[in-house]
């Protein structure tokens, strides 16, 4: 069994160890086992360490059947003693985020008498799943309470209680535990069984920031950032807010008011555009040839809804068929409305002569058609449609 030096001192990064196993695996890495190591293997929701071992780059660290496996990009000779160095930037980032997760989870579980049923620490953020739906109005209070532990520089202690002591201790655990149990306690905020590595004092976490909360499988999933991750996120958000404020010519704390005003003005303009668009449609319908029962209309920059409205107005006015075409990236978008209930028949003929994709009912079909404009006009004129220029 490899001696786990990281439990003796999570802040140590350099050590000497002897290679007792090395073999190339199917994953393309060399699986290296030492007699002792500072490299933490993935476990307890915390990713494994990476770094350098005897000049070999260690990409990941895992545990298999009680052995700690270092995933190296090159082999090491069995029996030699090598110098190892853990990537401290990565290690400390994980310690900050894991410790912050403990504090927030402890607060939430105590307040709502719920369970932490899921925990994942990715390279970008931490997600925690709880077995209860957390009211959205409580989120700011929970975040402030978690940061309170940082302001107090609350100690995080590691103990291995005796069986009798453990039976009297209230602690969080996702499963029933046997044998020696490692307890991580963060003052009044949390007491949890955990195999991960943590900071000694909450002040080292720096900051706890929730960036998302959503209903998930009947409970709540929270997305979390701690330490430098939180700082980087807030710097990015602040920079974006400053840029938006500059473009709107308002202070950052007035952005929401400015955006609300813009949204109100936008809604008024949308209604105004709809009114004028409707008037233009009616005028176009009035200008259709009187003797036409079936009409072909080419119009620029119409949405699917607008095409459907125009086609329906024309078909209703003429009590016949109306084909509306508007240019698109792949040719023409179309809507065909037929009071004769033969839209599918025409669509089938279009598919025979053109690259046409669409569908609908006998009363109306829509889709995309590729083809030359003049050839399309000729096709519909042969079907009795009058081209309304």
Protein backbone atom coordinates (compact mmCIF):
# COMPACT_ATOMS: atom_id res chain seq x y z
CA UNK A 1 0.00 0.00 0.00
CA UNK A 2 1.32 3.44 -0.95
CA UNK A 3 1.97 5.75 2.01
CA UNK A 4 -0.32 8.77 1.65
CA UNK A 5 1.89 11.74 2.44
CA UNK A 6 -0.82 14.26 1.45
CA UNK A 7 -2.75 13.37 4.60
CA UNK A 8 0.29 14.28 6.69
CA UNK A 9 0.65 17.68 5.06
CA UNK A 10 -1.67 18.85 2.29
CA UNK A 11 0.52 21.91 1.72
CA UNK A 12 3.69 19.94 0.92
CA UNK A 13 4.48 19.73 -2.79
CA UNK A 14 7.88 18.00 -3.02
CA UNK A 15 8.90 14.50 -1.90
CA UNK A 16 11.06 11.49 -2.69
CA UNK A 17 9.54 8.11 -3.47
CA UNK A 18 10.59 4.72 -4.83
CA UNK A 19 9.04 3.25 -7.98
CA UNK A 20 7.53 -0.16 -7.21
CA UNK A 21 5.50 -0.63 -10.40
CA UNK A 22 5.38 0.79 -13.92
CA UNK A 23 3.46 -0.51 -16.91
CA UNK A 24 2.10 0.99 -20.12
CA UNK A 25 -1.71 0.86 -20.14
CA UNK A 26 -4.35 0.89 -22.86
CA UNK A 27 -5.12 4.55 -22.15
CA UNK A 28 -1.74 5.53 -23.60
CA UNK A 29 -0.26 6.45 -20.23
CA UNK A 30 2.28 4.65 -18.07
CA UNK A 31 0.73 3.58 -14.76
CA UNK A 32 3.27 4.25 -12.03
CA UNK A 33 3.03 3.16 -8.39
CA UNK A 34 5.32 4.48 -5.63
CA UNK A 35 5.97 3.37 -2.07
CA UNK A 36 4.79 6.83 -0.92
CA UNK A 37 3.33 9.88 -2.60
CA UNK A 38 2.04 13.43 -2.17
CA UNK A 39 -0.16 13.09 -5.25
CA UNK A 40 -3.82 12.98 -4.23
CA UNK A 41 -5.89 10.44 -6.23
CA UNK A 42 -9.35 11.36 -7.45
CA UNK A 43 -11.94 10.69 -4.75
CA UNK A 44 -14.67 12.24 -2.67
CA UNK A 45 -15.71 14.42 -5.61
CA UNK A 46 -12.22 15.93 -5.86
CA UNK A 47 -10.10 15.43 -9.03
CA UNK A 48 -6.65 13.89 -8.83
CA UNK A 49 -3.38 15.81 -8.71
CA UNK A 50 -1.00 16.36 -11.58
CA UNK A 51 2.64 17.45 -11.69
CA UNK A 52 6.07 15.95 -12.31
CA UNK A 53 7.65 12.69 -11.13
CA UNK A 54 11.31 12.01 -11.87
CA UNK A 55 11.14 14.20 -14.98
CA UNK A 56 7.97 12.41 -16.15
CA UNK A 57 4.83 14.52 -16.54
CA UNK A 58 1.98 13.18 -14.38
CA UNK A 59 -1.33 13.89 -16.10
CA UNK A 60 -3.68 12.47 -13.47
CA UNK A 61 -3.75 10.42 -10.28
CA UNK A 62 -6.29 7.67 -9.55
CA UNK A 63 -6.80 4.96 -6.96
CA UNK A 64 -7.41 1.35 -7.98
CA UNK A 65 -7.81 -1.49 -5.49
CA UNK A 66 -6.04 0.49 -2.78
CA UNK A 67 -3.10 1.41 -5.02
CA UNK A 68 -2.43 5.02 -6.04
CA UNK A 69 -1.77 5.13 -9.77
CA UNK A 70 0.18 8.01 -11.29
CA UNK A 71 -0.63 8.47 -14.98
CA UNK A 72 2.72 9.39 -16.60
CA UNK A 73 3.52 10.34 -20.18
CA UNK A 74 6.78 8.31 -19.97
CA UNK A 75 7.93 5.21 -18.08
CA UNK A 76 10.04 5.13 -14.91
CA UNK A 77 12.41 2.32 -13.99
CA UNK A 78 11.15 0.10 -11.18
CA UNK A 79 13.30 0.28 -8.06
CA UNK A 80 14.72 3.76 -8.55
CA UNK A 81 14.06 6.64 -6.18
CA UNK A 82 12.52 9.68 -7.85
CA UNK A 83 11.71 13.25 -6.90
CA UNK A 84 8.08 14.25 -7.18
CA UNK A 85 6.49 17.69 -7.32
CA UNK A 86 2.77 18.36 -7.18
CA UNK A 87 1.27 21.14 -9.29
CA UNK A 88 0.49 23.51 -6.40
CA UNK A 89 -1.69 25.90 -8.42
CA UNK A 90 -4.04 23.04 -9.29
CA UNK A 91 -3.86 21.50 -5.82
CA UNK A 92 -4.61 24.75 -3.96
CA UNK A 93 -7.49 25.56 -6.33
CA UNK A 94 -9.06 22.19 -5.48
CA UNK A 95 -8.45 22.69 -1.76
CA UNK A 96 -10.16 26.10 -1.88
CA UNK A 97 -13.17 24.84 -3.80
CA UNK A 98 -13.55 21.62 -1.81
CA UNK A 99 -13.37 23.50 1.49
CA UNK A 100 -15.85 26.12 0.28
CA UNK A 101 -18.22 23.36 -0.80
CA UNK A 102 -18.06 21.86 2.70
CA UNK A 103 -19.02 25.14 4.34
CA UNK A 104 -21.92 25.93 2.01
CA UNK A 105 -23.23 22.33 2.05
CA UNK A 106 -23.11 22.23 5.84
CA UNK A 107 -25.10 25.46 6.11
CA UNK A 108 -27.72 24.30 3.61
CA UNK A 109 -28.10 20.81 5.08
CA UNK A 110 -28.47 22.21 8.59
CA UNK A 111 -31.00 24.87 7.57
CA UNK A 112 -33.26 22.66 5.47
CA UNK A 113 -32.60 19.26 7.12
CA UNK A 114 -31.71 17.87 3.71
CA UNK A 115 -28.93 15.79 2.20
CA UNK A 116 -26.11 16.58 -0.18
CA UNK A 117 -26.82 13.88 -2.77
CA UNK A 118 -24.29 14.88 -5.43
CA UNK A 119 -21.00 16.71 -5.71
CA UNK A 120 -18.73 17.27 -8.70
CA UNK A 121 -15.66 19.47 -8.88
CA UNK A 122 -14.85 20.30 -12.49
CA UNK A 123 -12.05 22.45 -13.86
CA UNK A 124 -14.44 25.39 -14.30
CA UNK A 125 -16.92 25.15 -11.44
CA UNK A 126 -18.32 23.01 -8.63
CA UNK A 127 -21.85 21.59 -8.70
CA UNK A 128 -23.69 20.39 -5.59
CA UNK A 129 -27.04 18.58 -5.60
CA UNK A 130 -29.39 18.80 -2.62
CA UNK A 131 -32.47 16.71 -1.89
CA UNK A 132 -34.72 19.72 -1.29
CA UNK A 133 -35.87 22.69 -3.35
CA UNK A 134 -34.14 25.77 -1.94
CA UNK A 135 -36.22 28.99 -2.10
CA UNK A 136 -34.59 31.46 -4.48
CA UNK A 137 -35.05 34.28 -1.96
CA UNK A 138 -32.71 32.41 0.45
CA UNK A 139 -29.74 32.20 -1.91
CA UNK A 140 -28.15 35.55 -1.06
CA UNK A 141 -28.44 34.84 2.67
CA UNK A 142 -26.86 31.40 2.22
CA UNK A 143 -23.99 32.89 0.23
CA UNK A 144 -23.40 35.57 2.86
CA UNK A 145 -23.52 32.99 5.66
CA UNK A 146 -20.91 30.87 3.87
CA UNK A 147 -18.62 33.88 3.42
CA UNK A 148 -19.04 34.66 7.09
CA UNK A 149 -16.94 31.57 7.80
CA UNK A 150 -14.20 33.14 5.68
CA UNK A 151 -14.41 36.51 7.47
CA UNK A 152 -14.06 34.67 10.77
CA UNK A 153 -11.13 32.66 9.39
CA UNK A 154 -12.80 29.54 10.76
CA UNK A 155 -10.36 26.62 11.31
CA UNK A 156 -10.93 23.38 9.40
CA UNK A 157 -9.85 20.43 11.51
CA UNK A 158 -9.21 16.79 10.56
CA UNK A 159 -9.88 14.04 13.14
CA UNK A 160 -10.27 10.26 13.23
CA UNK A 161 -12.75 9.73 16.09
CA UNK A 162 -13.01 6.47 17.96
CA UNK A 163 -16.01 4.27 17.32
CA UNK A 164 -17.72 5.41 20.53
CA UNK A 165 -17.08 9.10 19.80
CA UNK A 166 -18.25 8.68 16.22
CA UNK A 167 -21.55 7.19 17.38
CA UNK A 168 -22.24 10.35 19.41
CA UNK A 169 -21.13 12.74 16.66
CA UNK A 170 -23.54 14.39 14.23
CA UNK A 171 -21.85 14.47 10.86
CA UNK A 172 -22.79 14.39 7.20
CA UNK A 173 -22.10 11.33 5.06
CA UNK A 174 -23.51 10.15 1.73
CA UNK A 175 -23.21 6.49 2.75
CA UNK A 176 -22.84 4.27 5.79
CA UNK A 177 -19.21 4.08 6.86
CA UNK A 178 -17.21 1.33 8.55
CA UNK A 179 -13.76 1.25 10.10
CA UNK A 180 -11.68 4.40 10.52
CA UNK A 181 -13.64 7.49 9.54
CA UNK A 182 -11.98 10.78 8.59
CA UNK A 183 -13.98 13.76 9.84
CA UNK A 184 -13.56 17.28 8.47
CA UNK A 185 -15.06 20.00 10.67
CA UNK A 186 -15.41 23.69 9.82
CA UNK A 187 -16.38 25.26 13.12
CA UNK A 188 -20.14 25.61 13.53
CA UNK A 189 -20.70 25.47 9.78
CA UNK A 190 -20.06 21.85 8.88
CA UNK A 191 -19.04 18.44 10.13
CA UNK A 192 -18.61 15.85 7.41
CA UNK A 193 -16.92 12.53 6.66
CA UNK A 194 -14.55 13.19 3.79
CA UNK A 195 -11.40 11.73 2.23
CA UNK A 196 -10.44 14.94 0.38
CA UNK A 197 -7.83 17.54 1.23
CA UNK A 198 -8.68 21.00 2.50
CA UNK A 199 -7.26 24.32 3.64
CA UNK A 200 -6.39 24.79 7.33
CA UNK A 201 -8.36 28.03 7.72
CA UNK A 202 -11.43 29.27 5.86
CA UNK A 203 -9.72 32.61 5.20
CA UNK A 204 -7.56 30.81 2.63
CA UNK A 205 -10.67 30.15 0.54
CA UNK A 206 -10.88 33.87 -0.14
CA UNK A 207 -14.44 33.94 -1.45
CA UNK A 208 -17.48 31.72 -1.97
CA UNK A 209 -19.73 32.68 -4.86
CA UNK A 210 -22.85 30.91 -6.11
CA UNK A 211 -23.29 31.49 -9.85
CA UNK A 212 -26.34 29.34 -10.48
CA UNK A 213 -29.22 27.46 -8.85
CA UNK A 214 -31.82 25.32 -10.59
CA UNK A 215 -34.42 22.68 -9.81
CA UNK A 216 -32.88 19.28 -10.42
CA UNK A 217 -34.52 15.87 -9.93
CA UNK A 218 -36.94 17.24 -7.34
CA UNK A 219 -34.17 19.05 -5.45
CA UNK A 220 -31.72 21.85 -6.18
CA UNK A 221 -28.45 21.94 -8.08
CA UNK A 222 -26.11 24.78 -7.11
CA UNK A 223 -23.13 25.89 -9.16
CA UNK A 224 -20.32 27.29 -7.07
CA UNK A 225 -16.98 29.07 -7.41
CA UNK A 226 -14.40 29.58 -4.68
CA UNK A 227 -11.04 31.29 -4.35
CA UNK A 228 -9.36 32.48 -7.52
CA UNK A 229 -12.14 30.99 -9.64
CA UNK A 230 -14.64 33.30 -7.92
CA UNK A 231 -12.35 36.30 -8.27
CA UNK A 232 -11.75 35.64 -11.98
CA UNK A 233 -15.49 35.26 -12.56
CA UNK A 234 -16.35 38.52 -10.76
CA UNK A 235 -13.61 40.38 -12.60
CA UNK A 236 -15.03 39.16 -15.90
CA UNK A 237 -18.59 40.08 -14.91
CA UNK A 238 -17.50 43.51 -13.67
CA UNK A 239 -15.62 44.17 -16.90
CA UNK A 240 -18.70 43.21 -18.92
CA UNK A 241 -20.92 45.41 -16.73
CA UNK A 242 -18.53 48.34 -17.19
CA UNK A 243 -18.63 47.91 -20.96
CA UNK A 244 -22.44 47.72 -20.99
CA UNK A 245 -22.65 50.80 -18.76
CA UNK A 246 -20.30 52.67 -21.09
CA UNK A 247 -22.39 51.80 -24.13
CA UNK A 248 -25.60 52.83 -22.35
CA UNK A 249 -23.95 55.94 -20.85
CA UNK A 250 -25.06 55.00 -17.33
CA UNK A 251 -23.24 53.97 -14.12
CA UNK A 252 -22.91 50.22 -13.57
CA UNK A 253 -25.46 50.25 -10.74
CA UNK A 254 -28.05 51.80 -13.10
CA UNK A 255 -27.71 49.23 -15.88
CA UNK A 256 -30.88 47.34 -14.91
CA UNK A 257 -32.95 50.56 -15.10
CA UNK A 258 -31.43 51.48 -18.46
CA UNK A 259 -32.07 48.00 -19.88
CA UNK A 260 -35.69 48.07 -18.65
CA UNK A 261 -36.17 51.39 -20.44
CA UNK A 262 -34.65 50.00 -23.64
CA UNK A 263 -36.88 46.91 -23.43
CA UNK A 264 -39.96 49.11 -23.02
CA UNK A 265 -38.96 51.22 -26.03
CA UNK A 266 -38.23 48.08 -28.03
CA UNK A 267 -41.67 46.63 -27.25
CA UNK A 268 -43.33 49.86 -28.41
CA UNK A 269 -41.32 49.80 -31.64
CA UNK A 270 -42.17 46.15 -32.25
CA UNK A 271 -45.86 46.95 -31.96
CA UNK A 272 -45.43 49.93 -34.28
CA UNK A 273 -43.58 47.79 -36.84
CA UNK A 274 -46.27 45.11 -36.63
CA UNK A 275 -48.95 47.73 -37.29
CA UNK A 276 -47.17 49.15 -40.34
CA UNK A 277 -46.30 45.70 -41.61
CA UNK A 278 -49.95 44.71 -41.39
CA UNK A 279 -50.93 47.85 -43.30
CA UNK A 280 -48.35 47.04 -45.99
CA UNK A 281 -49.75 43.53 -46.30
CA UNK A 282 -53.28 44.87 -46.75
CA UNK A 283 -52.08 47.32 -49.41
CA UNK A 284 -50.28 44.52 -51.24
CA UNK A 285 -53.44 42.41 -51.16
CA UNK A 286 -55.51 45.28 -52.54
CA UNK A 287 -53.03 45.63 -55.42
CA UNK A 288 -53.34 42.00 -56.49
CA UNK A 289 -54.82 41.50 -59.97
CA UNK A 290 -58.63 41.35 -59.77
CA UNK A 291 -58.91 38.36 -62.07
CA UNK A 292 -56.33 36.30 -60.14
CA UNK A 293 -57.49 33.35 -58.08
CA UNK A 294 -54.01 31.96 -57.50
CA UNK A 295 -51.13 34.36 -56.82
CA UNK A 296 -47.35 34.15 -56.47
CA UNK A 297 -45.76 36.81 -54.26
CA UNK A 298 -42.02 37.44 -53.90
CA UNK A 299 -41.14 39.53 -50.86
CA UNK A 300 -37.83 40.35 -49.17
CA UNK A 301 -36.84 39.74 -45.54
CA UNK A 302 -40.03 38.19 -44.22
CA UNK A 303 -40.10 35.88 -41.22
CA UNK A 304 -41.94 32.58 -41.33
CA UNK A 305 -44.87 34.06 -39.41
CA UNK A 306 -45.07 37.08 -41.71
CA UNK A 307 -45.00 34.85 -44.79
CA UNK A 308 -47.83 32.76 -43.35
CA UNK A 309 -49.92 35.88 -42.59
CA UNK A 310 -49.40 37.33 -46.05
CA UNK A 311 -50.17 34.04 -47.78
CA UNK A 312 -53.29 33.53 -45.68
CA UNK A 313 -54.54 37.07 -46.40
CA UNK A 314 -54.00 36.59 -50.14
CA UNK A 315 -55.67 33.17 -50.24
CA UNK A 316 -58.63 34.49 -48.24
CA UNK A 317 -58.99 37.56 -50.46
CA UNK A 318 -58.90 35.53 -53.67
CA UNK A 319 -60.52 32.39 -52.25
CA UNK A 320 -57.81 30.45 -54.03
CA UNK A 321 -54.09 29.74 -53.57
CA UNK A 322 -51.24 31.98 -52.51
CA UNK A 323 -47.54 31.17 -52.71
CA UNK A 324 -45.17 33.51 -50.85
CA UNK A 325 -41.42 33.29 -51.44
CA UNK A 326 -38.64 35.16 -49.63
CA UNK A 327 -34.88 34.77 -50.25
CA UNK A 328 -32.91 32.68 -47.76
CA UNK A 329 -29.35 31.38 -47.48
CA UNK A 330 -30.34 28.16 -49.25
CA UNK A 331 -32.56 29.60 -51.97
CA UNK A 332 -36.09 30.58 -51.01
CA UNK A 333 -38.24 30.00 -47.96
CA UNK A 334 -41.86 29.49 -48.93
CA UNK A 335 -45.37 29.27 -47.55
CA UNK A 336 -48.20 27.95 -49.73
CA UNK A 337 -51.78 28.40 -48.53
CA UNK A 338 -54.60 26.78 -50.55
CA UNK A 339 -58.34 27.18 -50.13
CA UNK A 340 -58.57 24.41 -52.74
CA UNK A 341 -56.84 22.07 -50.25
CA UNK A 342 -54.25 20.87 -52.76
CA UNK A 343 -51.09 22.27 -51.16
CA UNK A 344 -49.57 18.78 -50.85
CA UNK A 345 -50.12 18.13 -54.54
CA UNK A 346 -48.14 21.22 -55.52
CA UNK A 347 -45.48 20.46 -52.93
CA UNK A 348 -45.01 16.99 -54.43
CA UNK A 349 -44.52 18.47 -57.88
CA UNK A 350 -42.02 21.00 -56.48
CA UNK A 351 -39.99 18.17 -54.99
CA UNK A 352 -39.89 16.41 -58.37
CA UNK A 353 -38.49 19.41 -60.23
CA UNK A 354 -36.51 21.26 -57.54
CA UNK A 355 -34.47 20.59 -54.44
CA UNK A 356 -37.39 21.21 -52.12
CA UNK A 357 -37.89 20.31 -48.47
CA UNK A 358 -41.07 21.05 -46.57
CA UNK A 359 -44.28 19.76 -45.15
CA UNK A 360 -47.66 20.62 -43.68
CA UNK A 361 -51.31 19.97 -44.39
CA UNK A 362 -53.50 20.09 -47.49
CA UNK A 363 -54.47 23.66 -46.54
CA UNK A 364 -50.89 24.91 -46.09
CA UNK A 365 -47.29 23.79 -46.52
CA UNK A 366 -43.98 25.52 -45.88
CA UNK A 367 -40.31 24.82 -46.38
CA UNK A 368 -37.18 25.64 -48.38
CA UNK A 369 -36.78 25.45 -52.15
CA UNK A 370 -33.65 25.86 -54.29
CA UNK A 371 -33.91 27.10 -57.84
CA UNK A 372 -33.59 30.01 -60.25
CA UNK A 373 -36.15 32.77 -59.69
CA UNK A 374 -37.31 32.89 -63.31
CA UNK A 375 -37.70 29.12 -63.49
CA UNK A 376 -39.73 29.16 -60.26
CA UNK A 377 -41.99 31.90 -61.63
CA UNK A 378 -42.48 29.94 -64.85
CA UNK A 379 -43.36 26.79 -62.84
CA UNK A 380 -46.12 28.55 -60.93
CA UNK A 381 -47.43 30.43 -63.96
CA UNK A 382 -47.86 27.07 -65.68
CA UNK A 383 -49.95 26.02 -62.65
CA UNK A 384 -52.23 29.02 -63.17
CA UNK A 385 -50.62 31.34 -60.62
CA UNK A 386 -50.32 35.05 -61.48
CA UNK A 387 -47.03 36.60 -60.45
CA UNK A 388 -47.74 39.70 -58.36
CA UNK A 389 -44.71 41.93 -58.90
